[in-house]
Amino acid sequence: MQTSTKNPTEVLQQPVVQESPAVLDTISTDSLVLVDADSIYFRAACISSKKNDIRKSIDHTMSEIEATCMMGKLRVAVKGKGNFRKDMYPEYKANRKELDEKLVKSLAYGIEHMISYYDAFQADGMEADDLVSIWAYEARELEKPYFVVGIDKDLLQIPGNHYNFNKQVHTFVDDDAANLNLNLQCLIGDNSDNIPGIKGIGKVKAAKILDGIPMDKRWNRVKQEWKSHNAGDPDVSRRLLTMLKSWKEYDDIRQHIQDQATVCEQDVRSEGQEDIQES
C-alpha cells in the first residue's frame, strides 16, 4: 500500500519511481498514472455484494492497469461528497434512478477499499474525472509526463496519453482532438447525466457539423447550431460538460455559485418586505 498525504493538491509534488519500462514509446519511465476509478469499484459492486468479491474484482483491474502502464505509484480519484454541477444545475443527473440500499453499501465498501489500499483521493465537490483532469493539467505545467486511465468518454477532453482498461487500448489525444471532443459533446449533450444537447443531433451529425472547423472557431459554430435549432442556452451545457483544469477554476465556480445564492436570498427578502409593506 502506498503512502499518501491525503491532499490532492499536493500529489504531483511527490516523486514517482518507475521500476519497469513503459509499454508505449511515448510513455517515459517516470510517467504519472492518473486513474479515474469510479467505474472500477462500481462494476465490482454491481457484480457482487460480497466484500471479498468486490475486493478481488477491484484488485484484478488495478493489477492489470499496473502491469499494462508499468508505473511505480498511482494517483487514484474516486467519488467524493457533493458536486458543483448539481448546485449549478439542479437537473444534473436527476433522471437517474435511486440506487437500492444493498448496492449503496457495496459501493461504499468499494470506495473504502480504494482509499485504504490504493490511497485514492475523494473528489469532494466535483467528479472524479475533474480531479484527474486537474492533476493532468498540473502535470503539464510542471512538465511531468502523465498517463490518464479510465473509461469515461469525458476524459478524452484531456490532452495526453490515455489507457482504456475495458478496451485495453492506448490512445494519444492532442490539444485539437481534446477540444473537438468537448465541442462534439456540447452539440450532442449527455443523456446519462441529463445534460441537454440539440435534439436530433447525434455523433454522426455532430461530426459533420464540426468537420473542417478550426479549433478557435468551433465554439462559435456550436453556438450557431444551438441558435438555429432554438435549443436554448449552450453555455449551460458547456459548463456542465467541461472538466476542471485547475483548483482556481474550481474556487471561482464555487464563489460564483455562492454569489448567485446570496443574490437570490436578497431578492426573496426584498419581495417579502414589499409584501409586508403592501399588506
Protein backbone atom coordinates (compact mmCIF):
# COMPACT_ATOMS: atom_id res chain seq x y z
CA MET A 1 0.00 0.00 0.00
CA GLN A 2 1.26 3.47 -0.88
CA THR A 3 1.86 6.35 1.49
CA SER A 4 -0.45 9.31 0.90
CA THR A 5 -0.61 12.90 2.05
CA LYS A 6 -4.38 12.76 1.52
CA ASN A 7 -4.13 16.20 -0.02
CA PRO A 8 -4.99 16.02 -3.75
CA THR A 9 -3.46 19.44 -4.37
CA GLU A 10 0.00 18.21 -3.41
CA VAL A 11 0.30 14.79 -5.04
CA LEU A 12 2.18 15.99 -8.10
CA GLN A 13 4.99 17.28 -5.94
CA GLN A 14 5.82 13.75 -4.77
CA PRO A 15 8.46 11.75 -6.66
CA VAL A 16 7.25 8.91 -8.85
CA VAL A 17 9.54 5.97 -9.45
CA GLN A 18 9.12 3.63 -12.43
CA GLU A 19 10.66 0.23 -11.94
CA SER A 20 9.62 -1.14 -15.34
CA PRO A 21 9.93 0.15 -18.91
CA ALA A 22 6.89 1.87 -20.40
CA VAL A 23 4.60 -0.06 -22.71
CA LEU A 24 4.46 2.67 -25.33
CA ASP A 25 7.43 4.56 -26.70
CA THR A 26 5.64 7.83 -25.90
CA ILE A 27 5.42 6.96 -22.19
CA SER A 28 8.55 7.65 -20.20
CA THR A 29 9.56 5.61 -17.20
CA ASP A 30 8.63 8.37 -14.74
CA SER A 31 5.10 8.95 -16.04
CA LEU A 32 2.36 9.84 -13.57
CA VAL A 33 -0.58 7.47 -13.95
CA LEU A 34 -3.84 9.23 -13.11
CA VAL A 35 -6.77 6.87 -12.59
CA ASP A 36 -10.49 7.67 -12.61
CA ALA A 37 -11.52 4.67 -10.51
CA ASP A 38 -15.27 5.23 -10.20
CA SER A 39 -16.11 2.66 -12.86
CA ILE A 40 -13.75 0.12 -11.28
CA TYR A 41 -15.46 -0.16 -7.91
CA PHE A 42 -18.94 0.46 -9.40
CA ARG A 43 -18.58 -2.55 -11.70
CA ALA A 44 -17.29 -4.64 -8.81
CA ALA A 45 -20.23 -3.64 -6.58
CA CYS A 46 -22.76 -4.39 -9.32
CA ILE A 47 -21.39 -7.89 -9.86
CA SER A 48 -21.45 -8.96 -6.23
CA SER A 49 -22.35 -7.61 -2.80
CA LYS A 50 -19.80 -9.84 -1.08
CA LYS A 51 -16.87 -7.84 0.24
CA ASN A 52 -14.33 -10.46 -0.78
CA ASP A 53 -15.65 -10.49 -4.36
CA ILE A 54 -15.61 -6.69 -4.52
CA ARG A 55 -12.00 -6.59 -3.35
CA LYS A 56 -10.95 -9.28 -5.83
CA SER A 57 -12.62 -7.52 -8.75
CA ILE A 58 -11.06 -4.16 -7.88
CA ASP A 59 -7.62 -5.68 -7.27
CA HIS A 60 -7.77 -7.61 -10.56
CA THR A 61 -8.46 -4.44 -12.55
CA MET A 62 -5.88 -2.40 -10.68
CA SER A 63 -3.26 -5.12 -11.16
CA GLU A 64 -3.99 -5.15 -14.88
CA ILE A 65 -3.58 -1.37 -15.01
CA GLU A 66 -0.30 -1.57 -13.11
CA ALA A 67 1.04 -4.31 -15.36
CA THR A 68 0.00 -2.50 -18.53
CA CYS A 69 1.03 1.02 -17.63
CA MET A 70 4.20 -0.02 -15.78
CA MET A 71 4.01 2.59 -13.05
CA GLY A 72 5.62 2.68 -9.63
CA LYS A 73 2.97 4.83 -7.99
CA LEU A 74 -0.70 5.54 -8.69
CA ARG A 75 -2.80 8.69 -8.46
CA VAL A 76 -6.34 7.44 -7.95
CA ALA A 77 -9.54 9.51 -7.80
CA VAL A 78 -12.94 8.31 -6.56
CA LYS A 79 -16.32 9.86 -5.88
CA GLY A 80 -16.49 12.33 -3.01
CA LYS A 81 -19.20 14.38 -1.32
CA GLY A 82 -21.16 16.94 -3.32
CA ASN A 83 -20.82 18.18 -6.88
CA PHE A 84 -20.74 21.80 -8.05
CA ARG A 85 -22.70 20.81 -11.18
CA LYS A 86 -25.71 19.89 -9.04
CA ASP A 87 -25.55 23.30 -7.38
CA MET A 88 -25.21 24.95 -10.76
CA TYR A 89 -27.93 22.92 -12.49
CA PRO A 90 -30.37 21.05 -10.16
CA GLU A 91 -31.50 18.81 -13.03
CA TYR A 92 -27.99 17.36 -13.33
CA LYS A 93 -28.31 13.54 -13.15
CA ALA A 94 -31.89 14.00 -11.95
CA ASN A 95 -33.02 11.36 -14.44
CA ARG A 96 -31.13 8.58 -12.68
CA LYS A 97 -32.99 6.05 -10.57
CA GLU A 98 -32.23 5.91 -6.88
CA LEU A 99 -29.84 3.08 -6.05
CA ASP A 100 -31.08 0.33 -3.75
CA GLU A 101 -29.66 0.18 -0.25
CA LYS A 102 -27.71 -3.02 -0.88
CA LEU A 103 -25.84 -1.52 -3.85
CA VAL A 104 -25.19 1.71 -1.95
CA LYS A 105 -23.48 -0.28 0.82
CA SER A 106 -21.45 -2.24 -1.73
CA LEU A 107 -20.34 0.98 -3.43
CA ALA A 108 -19.36 2.48 -0.08
CA TYR A 109 -17.23 -0.56 0.63
CA GLY A 110 -15.66 -0.34 -2.83
CA ILE A 111 -14.70 3.28 -2.19
CA GLU A 112 -13.37 2.35 1.24
CA HIS A 113 -11.15 -0.33 -0.31
CA MET A 114 -9.88 2.07 -2.98
CA ILE A 115 -8.95 4.58 -0.27
CA SER A 116 -7.41 2.17 2.24
CA TYR A 117 -5.48 0.00 -0.22
CA TYR A 118 -4.75 2.33 -3.15
CA ASP A 119 -4.67 5.67 -1.32
CA ALA A 120 -7.44 7.01 -3.52
CA PHE A 121 -8.42 10.66 -3.13
CA GLN A 122 -12.10 11.53 -2.83
CA ALA A 123 -13.15 14.20 -5.29
CA ASP A 124 -15.24 16.31 -2.90
CA GLY A 125 -17.34 18.97 -4.63
CA MET A 126 -16.63 17.62 -8.13
CA GLU A 127 -16.44 14.45 -10.22
CA ALA A 128 -13.54 12.01 -10.01
CA ASP A 129 -12.66 12.81 -13.63
CA ASP A 130 -12.44 16.52 -12.69
CA LEU A 131 -9.75 15.65 -10.16
CA VAL A 132 -7.90 13.54 -12.74
CA SER A 133 -8.14 16.46 -15.18
CA ILE A 134 -6.73 18.93 -12.63
CA TRP A 135 -3.82 16.56 -11.93
CA ALA A 136 -3.16 16.18 -15.66
CA TYR A 137 -3.02 19.94 -16.27
CA GLU A 138 -0.81 20.39 -13.22
CA ALA A 139 1.49 17.74 -14.65
CA ARG A 140 1.63 19.58 -17.98
CA GLU A 141 2.53 22.81 -16.22
CA LEU A 142 5.27 21.02 -14.29
CA GLU A 143 6.40 19.27 -17.49
CA LYS A 144 5.87 15.88 -15.89
CA PRO A 145 4.83 13.03 -18.22
CA TYR A 146 1.41 11.64 -17.35
CA PHE A 147 -0.99 8.91 -18.36
CA VAL A 148 -4.80 9.18 -17.96
CA VAL A 149 -6.52 5.89 -17.14
CA GLY A 150 -10.28 5.38 -17.30
CA ILE A 151 -13.24 4.52 -19.49
CA ASP A 152 -15.34 7.69 -19.23
CA LYS A 153 -15.63 9.50 -22.59
CA ASP A 154 -15.31 12.84 -20.78
CA LEU A 155 -11.66 12.01 -20.05
CA LEU A 156 -10.95 12.45 -23.75
CA GLN A 157 -11.18 16.20 -23.16
CA ILE A 158 -7.75 15.85 -21.54
CA PRO A 159 -4.79 16.10 -23.92
CA GLY A 160 -2.16 13.42 -23.46
CA ASN A 161 -1.69 9.67 -23.29
CA HIS A 162 -4.73 7.58 -22.35
CA TYR A 163 -5.41 3.98 -21.43
CA ASN A 164 -8.92 2.45 -21.51
CA PHE A 165 -8.73 -0.65 -19.32
CA ASN A 166 -12.08 -2.02 -20.57
CA LYS A 167 -10.99 -1.99 -24.19
CA GLN A 168 -7.32 -2.45 -23.29
CA VAL A 169 -6.48 0.31 -25.74
CA HIS A 170 -3.79 3.00 -25.59
CA THR A 171 -4.50 6.32 -27.33
CA PHE A 172 -2.95 9.75 -27.60
CA VAL A 173 -5.19 12.83 -27.57
CA ASP A 174 -3.64 16.08 -28.77
CA ASP A 175 -4.98 19.54 -27.89
CA ASP A 176 -7.02 19.80 -31.09
CA ALA A 177 -8.68 16.42 -30.55
CA ALA A 178 -9.40 17.24 -26.90
CA ASN A 179 -11.11 20.48 -27.93
CA LEU A 180 -13.05 18.69 -30.66
CA ASN A 181 -14.27 16.01 -28.23
CA LEU A 182 -15.67 18.68 -25.90
CA ASN A 183 -17.41 20.62 -28.67
CA LEU A 184 -18.91 17.46 -30.16
CA GLN A 185 -20.36 16.67 -26.74
CA CYS A 186 -21.73 20.22 -26.47
CA LEU A 187 -23.77 19.54 -29.62
CA ILE A 188 -24.94 16.10 -28.52
CA GLY A 189 -25.42 16.64 -24.79
CA ASP A 190 -25.27 13.72 -22.36
CA ASN A 191 -28.47 11.81 -21.67
CA SER A 192 -26.89 9.72 -18.92
CA ASP A 193 -26.15 12.89 -16.91
CA ASN A 194 -29.31 14.72 -18.04
CA ILE A 195 -27.24 17.41 -19.78
CA PRO A 196 -29.16 18.99 -22.66
CA GLY A 197 -27.94 18.93 -26.23
CA ILE A 198 -29.56 19.69 -29.58
CA LYS A 199 -32.45 17.35 -30.28
CA GLY A 200 -31.82 15.16 -33.31
CA ILE A 201 -28.05 15.60 -33.31
CA GLY A 202 -26.01 12.51 -32.54
CA LYS A 203 -22.39 11.55 -33.09
CA VAL A 204 -22.59 11.40 -36.90
CA LYS A 205 -24.35 14.74 -37.38
CA ALA A 206 -22.16 16.45 -34.79
CA ALA A 207 -19.02 15.24 -36.57
CA LYS A 208 -20.31 16.60 -39.89
CA ILE A 209 -21.14 19.98 -38.35
CA LEU A 210 -17.62 20.43 -36.97
CA ASP A 211 -15.78 18.78 -39.84
CA GLY A 212 -13.01 21.08 -41.02
CA ILE A 213 -13.76 23.77 -38.43
CA PRO A 214 -10.53 25.02 -36.79
CA MET A 215 -10.21 24.83 -33.03
CA ASP A 216 -10.59 28.58 -32.40
CA LYS A 217 -13.88 28.71 -34.32
CA ARG A 218 -15.59 25.54 -33.09
CA TRP A 219 -17.42 27.02 -30.11
CA ASN A 220 -18.92 29.76 -32.28
CA ARG A 221 -20.08 27.07 -34.71
CA VAL A 222 -21.65 25.15 -31.84
CA LYS A 223 -23.48 28.27 -30.62
CA GLN A 224 -24.77 28.96 -34.15
CA GLU A 225 -26.18 25.44 -34.31
CA TRP A 226 -27.92 25.81 -30.96
CA LYS A 227 -29.42 29.12 -32.08
CA SER A 228 -30.63 27.77 -35.44
CA HIS A 229 -32.39 24.91 -33.64
CA ASN A 230 -33.78 27.22 -30.95
CA ALA A 231 -32.34 24.72 -28.48
CA GLY A 232 -31.78 27.04 -25.53
CA ASP A 233 -28.59 28.19 -23.84
CA PRO A 234 -25.49 26.25 -24.97
CA ASP A 235 -23.40 27.83 -22.22
CA VAL A 236 -25.26 25.77 -19.60
CA SER A 237 -24.35 22.51 -21.29
CA ARG A 238 -20.77 23.59 -21.87
CA ARG A 239 -20.26 24.48 -18.20
CA LEU A 240 -21.65 21.11 -17.16
CA LEU A 241 -19.67 19.12 -19.71
CA THR A 242 -16.30 20.84 -19.31
CA MET A 243 -13.96 19.23 -16.83
CA LEU A 244 -11.99 21.34 -14.39
CA LYS A 245 -8.43 22.28 -15.31
CA SER A 246 -7.26 23.90 -12.07
CA TRP A 247 -8.09 24.46 -8.41
CA LYS A 248 -8.51 28.17 -9.12
CA GLU A 249 -11.18 27.37 -11.67
CA TYR A 250 -12.98 25.25 -9.09
CA ASP A 251 -12.74 28.02 -6.47
CA ASP A 252 -14.07 30.57 -8.99
CA ILE A 253 -17.04 28.34 -9.79
CA ARG A 254 -17.85 27.79 -6.11
CA GLN A 255 -17.62 31.54 -5.49
CA HIS A 256 -19.92 32.25 -8.43
CA ILE A 257 -22.49 29.75 -7.12
CA GLN A 258 -22.28 31.29 -3.65
CA ASP A 259 -22.69 34.80 -5.05
CA GLN A 260 -25.76 33.73 -7.03
CA ALA A 261 -27.27 32.13 -3.93
CA THR A 262 -26.70 35.36 -1.98
CA VAL A 263 -28.40 37.43 -4.67
CA CYS A 264 -31.40 35.07 -4.74
CA GLU A 265 -31.68 35.22 -0.97
CA GLN A 266 -31.60 39.02 -1.04
CA ASP A 267 -34.29 39.07 -3.75
CA VAL A 268 -36.53 36.80 -1.67
CA ARG A 269 -36.09 39.00 1.40
CA SER A 270 -36.86 42.15 -0.61
CA GLU A 271 -40.02 40.60 -2.03
CA GLY A 272 -41.09 39.54 1.45
CA GLN A 273 -40.59 43.04 2.83
CA GLU A 274 -42.55 44.53 -0.07
CA ASP A 275 -45.44 42.11 0.60
CA ILE A 276 -45.47 43.10 4.28
CA GLN A 277 -45.49 46.81 3.46
CA GLU A 278 -48.31 46.40 0.93
CA SER A 279 -50.40 44.46 3.44
